[in-house]
Amino acid sequence: MRKSLLVVVAWMAVLTLATASPPARAEEPKPEGDLAALQGEWTSEDDQGTVYWTFDGNRLSIKAPTRAYELTITLDPKMKPHKHIDFEALDDSPNAPGAKAAGIYEIVDKTNVRIAVAAANADRPTNFESSPTRAFAFDLKKK
């Protein structure tokens, strides 16, 4: 009888642990300002097709027909004449892990954003024009 009682108590303990809620996770702060405006899914077009941009907090996932990037972004909306955006590819990014790039951005309206990113070894762009040696410009549309 005593062995049966121990088995029941042990089984109840396992069930309690299995159904308990996971420990509370510290909530990430909600994006504000320009970062909040960027949240969600966007698309742009390039010479290879549609590029999908997904902003989630300060994380950015870019998926294009021939490449993909997982990045963190940092915004500086106070910079003039164009606001700054900096990109850093995560170590587990499918392409360019650990790479960093400087850029500029403009939130045109709720459904349109312009971004220009410096080409490798180039300075931060000063306008929203593409040039193979200086910058790559993108016109994003909200999905």
N, C-alpha and C. Protein backbone atom coordinates (compact mmCIF):
# COMPACT_ATOMS: atom_id res chain seq x y z
N MET A 1 0.83 -1.19 0.00
CA MET A 1 0.00 0.00 0.00
C MET A 1 0.87 1.26 0.00
N ARG A 2 1.91 1.24 0.83
CA ARG A 2 2.78 2.41 0.93
C ARG A 2 3.46 2.68 -0.41
N LYS A 3 3.91 1.62 -1.13
CA LYS A 3 4.55 1.79 -2.42
C LYS A 3 3.57 2.38 -3.43
N SER A 4 2.32 1.96 -3.41
CA SER A 4 1.30 2.49 -4.31
C SER A 4 1.07 3.96 -4.05
N LEU A 5 1.05 4.36 -2.78
CA LEU A 5 0.85 5.76 -2.41
C LEU A 5 2.01 6.61 -2.92
N LEU A 6 3.25 6.12 -2.80
CA LEU A 6 4.41 6.85 -3.30
C LEU A 6 4.34 7.01 -4.82
N VAL A 7 3.89 5.98 -5.52
CA VAL A 7 3.77 6.05 -6.98
C VAL A 7 2.73 7.09 -7.36
N VAL A 8 1.61 7.14 -6.66
CA VAL A 8 0.55 8.12 -6.94
C VAL A 8 1.06 9.53 -6.68
N VAL A 9 1.74 9.73 -5.56
CA VAL A 9 2.27 11.05 -5.23
C VAL A 9 3.30 11.49 -6.28
N ALA A 10 4.18 10.58 -6.68
CA ALA A 10 5.18 10.91 -7.69
C ALA A 10 4.51 11.25 -9.02
N TRP A 11 3.50 10.49 -9.40
CA TRP A 11 2.77 10.74 -10.65
C TRP A 11 2.08 12.10 -10.60
N MET A 12 1.50 12.45 -9.47
CA MET A 12 0.84 13.75 -9.32
C MET A 12 1.86 14.89 -9.44
N ALA A 13 3.05 14.69 -8.90
CA ALA A 13 4.09 15.71 -9.00
C ALA A 13 4.50 15.91 -10.46
N VAL A 14 4.64 14.81 -11.20
CA VAL A 14 4.99 14.91 -12.62
C VAL A 14 3.91 15.65 -13.38
N LEU A 15 2.66 15.31 -13.13
CA LEU A 15 1.54 15.99 -13.82
C LEU A 15 1.51 17.48 -13.47
N THR A 16 1.76 17.83 -12.24
CA THR A 16 1.76 19.23 -11.83
C THR A 16 2.85 19.99 -12.56
N LEU A 17 4.06 19.42 -12.64
CA LEU A 17 5.15 20.09 -13.35
C LEU A 17 4.86 20.20 -14.84
N ALA A 18 4.27 19.17 -15.42
CA ALA A 18 4.00 19.17 -16.86
C ALA A 18 2.95 20.18 -17.26
N THR A 19 2.02 20.50 -16.37
CA THR A 19 0.94 21.42 -16.72
C THR A 19 1.16 22.82 -16.15
N ALA A 20 2.23 23.03 -15.42
CA ALA A 20 2.49 24.36 -14.85
C ALA A 20 2.84 25.34 -15.96
N SER A 21 2.51 26.57 -15.78
CA SER A 21 2.84 27.61 -16.75
C SER A 21 4.34 27.81 -16.76
N PRO A 22 4.89 28.12 -17.94
CA PRO A 22 6.33 28.40 -17.99
C PRO A 22 6.63 29.67 -17.20
N PRO A 23 7.85 29.82 -16.74
CA PRO A 23 8.18 31.02 -15.98
C PRO A 23 7.93 32.26 -16.83
N ALA A 24 7.50 33.32 -16.18
CA ALA A 24 7.22 34.57 -16.89
C ALA A 24 8.49 35.09 -17.53
N ARG A 25 8.38 35.51 -18.79
CA ARG A 25 9.51 36.05 -19.54
C ARG A 25 9.47 37.57 -19.45
N ALA A 26 10.60 38.15 -19.24
CA ALA A 26 10.64 39.60 -19.19
C ALA A 26 10.14 40.15 -20.53
N GLU A 27 9.18 41.04 -20.48
CA GLU A 27 8.63 41.59 -21.70
C GLU A 27 9.58 42.60 -22.31
N GLU A 28 9.71 42.50 -23.64
CA GLU A 28 10.52 43.47 -24.35
C GLU A 28 9.73 44.77 -24.44
N PRO A 29 10.42 45.89 -24.37
CA PRO A 29 9.69 47.15 -24.48
C PRO A 29 9.03 47.27 -25.85
N LYS A 30 7.86 47.89 -25.86
CA LYS A 30 7.15 48.09 -27.11
C LYS A 30 7.90 49.13 -27.95
N PRO A 31 8.01 48.85 -29.25
CA PRO A 31 8.65 49.83 -30.12
C PRO A 31 7.87 51.15 -30.12
N GLU A 32 8.61 52.25 -30.18
CA GLU A 32 7.99 53.57 -30.18
C GLU A 32 8.50 54.37 -31.37
N GLY A 33 7.82 55.45 -31.68
CA GLY A 33 8.26 56.37 -32.72
C GLY A 33 8.42 55.70 -34.07
N ASP A 34 9.54 56.02 -34.73
CA ASP A 34 9.79 55.46 -36.06
C ASP A 34 9.89 53.94 -36.04
N LEU A 35 10.47 53.38 -34.98
CA LEU A 35 10.58 51.92 -34.90
C LEU A 35 9.19 51.28 -34.89
N ALA A 36 8.24 51.89 -34.20
CA ALA A 36 6.87 51.38 -34.19
C ALA A 36 6.25 51.47 -35.59
N ALA A 37 6.54 52.55 -36.30
CA ALA A 37 5.98 52.73 -37.65
C ALA A 37 6.50 51.68 -38.63
N LEU A 38 7.69 51.16 -38.39
CA LEU A 38 8.28 50.17 -39.29
C LEU A 38 7.78 48.74 -39.05
N GLN A 39 7.18 48.49 -37.91
CA GLN A 39 6.81 47.12 -37.54
C GLN A 39 5.89 46.48 -38.58
N GLY A 40 6.12 45.18 -38.79
CA GLY A 40 5.26 44.42 -39.69
C GLY A 40 5.97 44.02 -40.97
N GLU A 41 5.16 43.66 -41.96
CA GLU A 41 5.69 43.13 -43.21
C GLU A 41 5.63 44.18 -44.32
N TRP A 42 6.72 44.24 -45.08
CA TRP A 42 6.88 45.17 -46.18
C TRP A 42 7.45 44.40 -47.38
N THR A 43 7.31 44.97 -48.57
CA THR A 43 7.94 44.38 -49.75
C THR A 43 8.64 45.47 -50.55
N SER A 44 9.64 45.05 -51.30
CA SER A 44 10.30 45.91 -52.28
C SER A 44 10.61 45.04 -53.49
N GLU A 45 10.96 45.68 -54.56
CA GLU A 45 11.31 44.95 -55.79
C GLU A 45 12.75 45.26 -56.16
N ASP A 46 13.46 44.24 -56.63
CA ASP A 46 14.78 44.47 -57.19
C ASP A 46 14.89 43.68 -58.49
N ASP A 47 16.06 43.66 -59.09
CA ASP A 47 16.21 43.00 -60.39
C ASP A 47 16.02 41.49 -60.33
N GLN A 48 15.96 40.91 -59.12
CA GLN A 48 15.75 39.47 -58.98
C GLN A 48 14.33 39.12 -58.55
N GLY A 49 13.51 40.12 -58.24
CA GLY A 49 12.13 39.83 -57.85
C GLY A 49 11.72 40.55 -56.58
N THR A 50 10.73 39.98 -55.90
CA THR A 50 10.18 40.58 -54.69
C THR A 50 11.05 40.26 -53.48
N VAL A 51 11.29 41.28 -52.68
CA VAL A 51 12.05 41.14 -51.44
C VAL A 51 11.08 41.38 -50.29
N TYR A 52 11.09 40.50 -49.29
CA TYR A 52 10.20 40.59 -48.14
C TYR A 52 10.99 41.08 -46.93
N TRP A 53 10.50 42.14 -46.30
CA TRP A 53 11.13 42.75 -45.14
C TRP A 53 10.16 42.58 -43.97
N THR A 54 10.60 41.98 -42.87
CA THR A 54 9.75 41.84 -41.69
C THR A 54 10.47 42.46 -40.49
N PHE A 55 9.87 43.54 -39.97
CA PHE A 55 10.40 44.22 -38.79
C PHE A 55 9.65 43.71 -37.57
N ASP A 56 10.40 43.26 -36.56
CA ASP A 56 9.83 42.75 -35.31
C ASP A 56 10.69 43.30 -34.17
N GLY A 57 10.22 44.38 -33.55
CA GLY A 57 11.05 45.06 -32.56
C GLY A 57 12.25 45.64 -33.28
N ASN A 58 13.45 45.39 -32.76
CA ASN A 58 14.64 45.88 -33.43
C ASN A 58 15.27 44.80 -34.33
N ARG A 59 14.51 43.76 -34.62
CA ARG A 59 14.97 42.68 -35.50
C ARG A 59 14.37 42.88 -36.88
N LEU A 60 15.16 42.57 -37.90
CA LEU A 60 14.72 42.66 -39.28
C LEU A 60 15.10 41.39 -40.00
N SER A 61 14.14 40.80 -40.66
CA SER A 61 14.36 39.61 -41.48
C SER A 61 14.11 40.02 -42.94
N ILE A 62 15.10 39.80 -43.80
CA ILE A 62 14.97 40.13 -45.21
C ILE A 62 15.09 38.83 -45.99
N LYS A 63 14.09 38.57 -46.84
CA LYS A 63 14.11 37.37 -47.66
C LYS A 63 13.91 37.78 -49.12
N ALA A 64 14.92 37.48 -49.94
CA ALA A 64 14.90 37.77 -51.37
C ALA A 64 15.02 36.44 -52.12
N PRO A 65 14.78 36.44 -53.42
CA PRO A 65 14.85 35.17 -54.16
C PRO A 65 16.18 34.43 -54.03
N THR A 66 17.29 35.14 -53.89
CA THR A 66 18.59 34.45 -53.86
C THR A 66 19.39 34.69 -52.58
N ARG A 67 18.79 35.36 -51.60
CA ARG A 67 19.53 35.63 -50.37
C ARG A 67 18.56 35.91 -49.23
N ALA A 68 19.09 35.81 -48.01
CA ALA A 68 18.28 36.10 -46.81
C ALA A 68 19.20 36.64 -45.73
N TYR A 69 18.66 37.53 -44.91
CA TYR A 69 19.43 38.14 -43.84
C TYR A 69 18.59 38.21 -42.58
N GLU A 70 19.22 37.97 -41.45
CA GLU A 70 18.63 38.19 -40.13
C GLU A 70 19.49 39.25 -39.47
N LEU A 71 18.87 40.37 -39.10
CA LEU A 71 19.62 41.54 -38.66
C LEU A 71 19.01 42.17 -37.41
N THR A 72 19.82 42.96 -36.75
CA THR A 72 19.29 43.91 -35.78
C THR A 72 19.46 45.29 -36.41
N ILE A 73 18.56 46.19 -36.05
CA ILE A 73 18.64 47.55 -36.58
C ILE A 73 18.68 48.54 -35.43
N THR A 74 19.33 49.65 -35.69
CA THR A 74 19.36 50.76 -34.74
C THR A 74 19.00 52.02 -35.53
N LEU A 75 18.02 52.74 -35.02
CA LEU A 75 17.57 53.97 -35.69
C LEU A 75 18.09 55.19 -34.95
N ASP A 76 18.39 56.24 -35.70
CA ASP A 76 18.67 57.54 -35.12
C ASP A 76 17.84 58.56 -35.90
N PRO A 77 16.59 58.77 -35.43
CA PRO A 77 15.67 59.64 -36.15
C PRO A 77 15.99 61.13 -36.05
N LYS A 78 16.97 61.48 -35.24
CA LYS A 78 17.30 62.90 -35.06
C LYS A 78 18.33 63.40 -36.06
N MET A 79 18.94 62.51 -36.81
CA MET A 79 19.98 62.92 -37.75
C MET A 79 19.38 63.67 -38.93
N LYS A 80 20.14 64.62 -39.45
CA LYS A 80 19.70 65.43 -40.59
C LYS A 80 20.81 65.42 -41.63
N PRO A 81 20.59 65.53 -42.89
CA PRO A 81 19.29 65.76 -43.50
C PRO A 81 18.45 64.48 -43.58
N HIS A 82 19.06 63.30 -43.39
CA HIS A 82 18.30 62.05 -43.42
C HIS A 82 18.51 61.28 -42.13
N LYS A 83 17.45 60.64 -41.70
CA LYS A 83 17.51 59.81 -40.50
C LYS A 83 18.43 58.61 -40.76
N HIS A 84 19.14 58.16 -39.72
CA HIS A 84 20.09 57.05 -39.87
C HIS A 84 19.47 55.73 -39.44
N ILE A 85 19.86 54.67 -40.14
CA ILE A 85 19.52 53.30 -39.76
C ILE A 85 20.80 52.48 -39.92
N ASP A 86 21.14 51.73 -38.88
CA ASP A 86 22.32 50.88 -38.93
C ASP A 86 21.89 49.42 -38.84
N PHE A 87 22.53 48.59 -39.62
CA PHE A 87 22.21 47.17 -39.72
C PHE A 87 23.38 46.35 -39.22
N GLU A 88 23.07 45.29 -38.48
CA GLU A 88 24.09 44.32 -38.08
C GLU A 88 23.52 42.92 -38.26
N ALA A 89 24.14 42.15 -39.16
CA ALA A 89 23.68 40.79 -39.41
C ALA A 89 24.02 39.91 -38.21
N LEU A 90 23.07 39.10 -37.81
CA LEU A 90 23.28 38.18 -36.69
C LEU A 90 24.29 37.11 -37.09
N ASP A 91 24.93 36.52 -36.11
CA ASP A 91 25.92 35.47 -36.38
C ASP A 91 25.31 34.27 -37.09
N ASP A 92 23.99 34.05 -36.91
CA ASP A 92 23.35 32.92 -37.58
C ASP A 92 22.57 33.34 -38.83
N SER A 93 22.84 34.54 -39.34
CA SER A 93 22.19 35.02 -40.57
C SER A 93 22.61 34.11 -41.73
N PRO A 94 21.65 33.73 -42.59
CA PRO A 94 22.00 32.86 -43.73
C PRO A 94 23.05 33.48 -44.65
N ASN A 95 23.04 34.79 -44.79
CA ASN A 95 24.03 35.48 -45.62
C ASN A 95 24.68 36.58 -44.80
N ALA A 96 25.95 36.80 -45.03
CA ALA A 96 26.74 37.88 -44.43
C ALA A 96 26.70 37.93 -42.91
N PRO A 97 26.85 36.78 -42.21
CA PRO A 97 26.82 36.82 -40.75
C PRO A 97 27.87 37.78 -40.19
N GLY A 98 27.45 38.59 -39.23
CA GLY A 98 28.35 39.53 -38.58
C GLY A 98 28.60 40.83 -39.34
N ALA A 99 28.10 40.93 -40.57
CA ALA A 99 28.33 42.14 -41.37
C ALA A 99 27.56 43.32 -40.79
N LYS A 100 28.11 44.51 -40.99
CA LYS A 100 27.47 45.74 -40.55
C LYS A 100 27.36 46.68 -41.74
N ALA A 101 26.29 47.49 -41.74
CA ALA A 101 26.11 48.47 -42.81
C ALA A 101 25.39 49.68 -42.26
N ALA A 102 25.74 50.84 -42.80
CA ALA A 102 25.11 52.09 -42.42
C ALA A 102 24.11 52.48 -43.50
N GLY A 103 23.03 53.12 -43.08
CA GLY A 103 22.03 53.53 -44.05
C GLY A 103 21.27 54.77 -43.62
N ILE A 104 20.35 55.17 -44.47
CA ILE A 104 19.43 56.26 -44.18
C ILE A 104 18.02 55.77 -44.47
N TYR A 105 17.04 56.43 -43.85
CA TYR A 105 15.66 56.03 -44.11
C TYR A 105 14.74 57.24 -44.06
N GLU A 106 13.58 57.05 -44.70
CA GLU A 106 12.53 58.07 -44.66
C GLU A 106 11.19 57.35 -44.62
N ILE A 107 10.38 57.67 -43.63
CA ILE A 107 9.02 57.16 -43.58
C ILE A 107 8.17 58.16 -44.34
N VAL A 108 7.80 57.78 -45.56
CA VAL A 108 7.06 58.68 -46.45
C VAL A 108 5.64 58.86 -45.93
N ASP A 109 4.99 57.73 -45.62
CA ASP A 109 3.66 57.72 -45.03
C ASP A 109 3.45 56.33 -44.41
N LYS A 110 2.24 56.01 -44.01
CA LYS A 110 1.99 54.74 -43.31
C LYS A 110 2.25 53.50 -44.15
N THR A 111 2.30 53.65 -45.47
CA THR A 111 2.48 52.48 -46.33
C THR A 111 3.71 52.54 -47.22
N ASN A 112 4.54 53.56 -47.08
CA ASN A 112 5.72 53.70 -47.92
C ASN A 112 6.92 54.17 -47.11
N VAL A 113 8.04 53.47 -47.30
CA VAL A 113 9.29 53.80 -46.62
C VAL A 113 10.41 53.70 -47.66
N ARG A 114 11.38 54.59 -47.54
CA ARG A 114 12.56 54.53 -48.40
C ARG A 114 13.78 54.25 -47.52
N ILE A 115 14.62 53.33 -47.99
CA ILE A 115 15.85 52.98 -47.28
C ILE A 115 16.99 52.93 -48.29
N ALA A 116 18.12 53.48 -47.92
CA ALA A 116 19.35 53.33 -48.71
C ALA A 116 20.42 52.78 -47.78
N VAL A 117 21.13 51.76 -48.24
CA VAL A 117 22.14 51.08 -47.45
C VAL A 117 23.49 51.19 -48.16
N ALA A 118 24.53 51.48 -47.41
CA ALA A 118 25.87 51.60 -47.98
C ALA A 118 26.33 50.28 -48.57
N ALA A 119 27.00 50.36 -49.70
CA ALA A 119 27.65 49.18 -50.28
C ALA A 119 28.87 48.84 -49.42
N ALA A 120 29.44 47.66 -49.63
CA ALA A 120 30.62 47.24 -48.86
C ALA A 120 31.73 48.28 -48.96
N ASN A 121 32.30 48.61 -47.82
CA ASN A 121 33.41 49.56 -47.72
C ASN A 121 33.06 50.98 -48.15
N ALA A 122 31.78 51.32 -48.18
CA ALA A 122 31.35 52.67 -48.56
C ALA A 122 30.82 53.40 -47.34
N ASP A 123 30.81 54.72 -47.42
CA ASP A 123 30.26 55.54 -46.35
C ASP A 123 28.74 55.52 -46.39
N ARG A 124 28.14 55.99 -45.33
CA ARG A 124 26.68 56.08 -45.25
C ARG A 124 26.17 56.86 -46.46
N PRO A 125 25.10 56.38 -47.11
CA PRO A 125 24.56 57.10 -48.26
C PRO A 125 24.09 58.51 -47.87
N THR A 126 24.06 59.40 -48.85
CA THR A 126 23.57 60.76 -48.61
C THR A 126 22.28 61.03 -49.36
N ASN A 127 21.85 60.05 -50.19
CA ASN A 127 20.58 60.18 -50.90
C ASN A 127 20.01 58.79 -51.14
N PHE A 128 18.83 58.75 -51.73
CA PHE A 128 18.12 57.48 -51.93
C PHE A 128 18.29 56.99 -53.37
N GLU A 129 19.53 56.95 -53.84
CA GLU A 129 19.82 56.47 -55.20
C GLU A 129 20.77 55.28 -55.11
N SER A 130 20.53 54.30 -55.98
CA SER A 130 21.41 53.12 -56.03
C SER A 130 22.63 53.39 -56.89
N SER A 131 23.75 52.87 -56.43
CA SER A 131 25.00 52.91 -57.17
C SER A 131 25.79 51.70 -56.71
N PRO A 132 26.24 50.83 -57.63
CA PRO A 132 26.87 49.58 -57.23
C PRO A 132 28.06 49.74 -56.27
N THR A 133 28.74 50.86 -56.32
CA THR A 133 29.90 51.05 -55.45
C THR A 133 29.60 51.89 -54.22
N ARG A 134 28.43 52.54 -54.18
CA ARG A 134 28.12 53.43 -53.06
C ARG A 134 26.96 52.99 -52.20
N ALA A 135 25.82 52.63 -52.82
CA ALA A 135 24.63 52.35 -52.02
C ALA A 135 23.59 51.57 -52.80
N PHE A 136 22.69 50.95 -52.03
CA PHE A 136 21.55 50.25 -52.60
C PHE A 136 20.29 50.89 -52.01
N ALA A 137 19.39 51.34 -52.88
CA ALA A 137 18.17 52.02 -52.43
C ALA A 137 16.96 51.11 -52.61
N PHE A 138 16.03 51.19 -51.65
CA PHE A 138 14.84 50.35 -51.67
C PHE A 138 13.61 51.19 -51.36
N ASP A 139 12.54 50.96 -52.10
CA ASP A 139 11.24 51.57 -51.81
C ASP A 139 10.36 50.47 -51.25
N LEU A 140 10.05 50.54 -49.96
CA LEU A 140 9.25 49.52 -49.30
C LEU A 140 7.78 49.91 -49.29
N LYS A 141 6.93 48.91 -49.53
CA LYS A 141 5.48 49.07 -49.48
C LYS A 141 4.94 48.16 -48.39
N LYS A 142 4.05 48.68 -47.57
CA LYS A 142 3.45 47.91 -46.47
C LYS A 142 2.55 46.84 -47.05
N LYS A 143 2.67 45.62 -46.53
CA LYS A 143 1.81 44.52 -46.98
C LYS A 143 0.46 44.61 -46.32
